[in-house]
Amino acid sequence: MAIFSKPKVTQREFKKKVRTELYDSGIPARKLNQLEGFLRGDLEGSTIVRRGIDSRELENSVKWLKENPGKHQFSSDQVERIEKSLRKNL
C-alpha cells in the first residue's frame, strides 16, 4: 500500500523558490527571516511525512498574518504576495 502525502512547500523549496521570489518582489531579507521563523515549525516537522507546509498550514499561517498585523512587520500587500508565492509552490 502506497502512502501519498499532500502537496507541500518543503524547506528547500521555501529557500530556493519562495524566499527568492519574495525578495525579488521587494520584501527585505530581514522580514523574510521573520517569516521563516514563523513557518519554521511547519517547515521542519518532526518526521519526513510532516515536514513542509501543506495547504491547511498555509491557510492557518496566512490567516494569522492577516489577523495579527501588530505582531509582525508585513504590510497587507506583502501578506498577499507571501500567500500567492506559497500557493504557487505547493
Protein backbone atom coordinates (compact mmCIF):
# COMPACT_ATOMS: atom_id res chain seq x y z
CA MET A 1 0.00 0.00 0.00
CA ALA A 2 1.45 3.33 -1.05
CA ILE A 3 1.19 6.34 1.20
CA PHE A 4 0.60 9.56 -0.65
CA SER A 5 1.39 12.81 1.06
CA LYS A 6 -0.29 16.13 0.42
CA PRO A 7 1.48 18.69 -1.76
CA LYS A 8 3.80 20.75 0.43
CA VAL A 9 6.30 23.55 0.24
CA THR A 10 9.46 21.99 1.64
CA GLN A 11 12.17 23.87 3.47
CA ARG A 12 14.40 23.60 0.40
CA GLU A 13 11.65 24.92 -1.91
CA PHE A 14 11.00 27.75 0.54
CA LYS A 15 14.63 28.82 0.47
CA LYS A 16 15.23 28.35 -3.26
CA LYS A 17 11.89 29.48 -4.69
CA VAL A 18 9.56 31.25 -2.28
CA ARG A 19 12.17 33.31 -0.42
CA THR A 20 13.92 34.30 -3.66
CA GLU A 21 10.63 35.26 -5.30
CA LEU A 22 9.55 37.35 -2.32
CA TYR A 23 12.96 39.05 -2.06
CA ASP A 24 12.82 39.87 -5.77
CA SER A 25 9.34 41.37 -5.21
CA GLY A 26 10.81 43.84 -2.72
CA ILE A 27 10.40 42.19 0.67
CA PRO A 28 13.68 42.74 2.58
CA ALA A 29 15.77 39.82 3.88
CA ARG A 30 15.12 40.91 7.49
CA LYS A 31 11.37 40.41 7.03
CA LEU A 32 11.91 37.12 5.19
CA ASN A 33 13.94 35.90 8.16
CA GLN A 34 10.96 36.75 10.37
CA LEU A 35 8.61 34.88 8.02
CA GLU A 36 10.88 31.84 8.03
CA GLY A 37 10.83 31.95 11.84
CA PHE A 38 7.01 31.95 11.84
CA LEU A 39 6.92 28.99 9.45
CA ARG A 40 9.84 27.04 10.93
CA GLY A 41 7.69 24.56 12.87
CA ASP A 42 5.85 23.54 9.71
CA LEU A 43 8.94 23.55 7.51
CA GLU A 44 10.94 21.43 9.97
CA GLY A 45 8.25 18.93 11.02
CA SER A 46 9.23 16.15 13.40
CA THR A 47 9.09 13.45 10.71
CA ILE A 48 9.69 13.36 6.97
CA VAL A 49 5.95 12.97 6.39
CA ARG A 50 5.20 16.09 8.46
CA ARG A 51 7.92 18.34 7.02
CA GLY A 52 6.83 21.17 4.77
CA ILE A 53 3.83 23.47 4.57
CA ASP A 54 0.63 21.92 3.22
CA SER A 55 -2.48 23.83 2.12
CA ARG A 56 -4.11 23.70 5.58
CA GLU A 57 -0.99 25.02 7.28
CA LEU A 58 -0.67 27.70 4.60
CA GLU A 59 -4.27 28.81 5.27
CA ASN A 60 -3.64 28.96 9.02
CA SER A 61 -0.38 30.89 8.63
CA VAL A 62 -1.84 33.45 6.23
CA LYS A 63 -4.94 33.82 8.42
CA TRP A 64 -2.71 34.50 11.43
CA LEU A 65 -0.68 37.10 9.49
CA LYS A 66 -3.89 38.86 8.38
CA GLU A 67 -5.49 38.79 11.84
CA ASN A 68 -2.37 39.86 13.77
CA PRO A 69 -0.77 42.78 11.93
CA GLY A 70 0.66 44.16 15.18
CA LYS A 71 2.71 41.01 15.79
CA HIS A 72 4.78 41.16 12.60
CA GLN A 73 6.16 43.72 10.16
CA PHE A 74 4.39 42.73 6.92
CA SER A 75 2.02 45.06 5.11
CA SER A 76 -1.26 43.64 3.80
CA ASP A 77 0.24 43.75 0.29
CA GLN A 78 3.25 41.74 1.45
CA VAL A 79 0.97 39.17 3.11
CA GLU A 80 -0.86 38.79 -0.20
CA ARG A 81 2.47 38.26 -2.01
CA ILE A 82 3.51 35.69 0.60
CA GLU A 83 0.25 33.79 0.18
CA LYS A 84 0.49 33.88 -3.62
CA SER A 85 4.08 32.63 -3.65
CA LEU A 86 3.42 29.80 -1.19
CA ARG A 87 0.33 28.68 -3.13
CA LYS A 88 2.21 28.77 -6.40
CA ASN A 89 4.88 26.48 -4.96
CA LEU A 90 2.57 23.92 -3.29
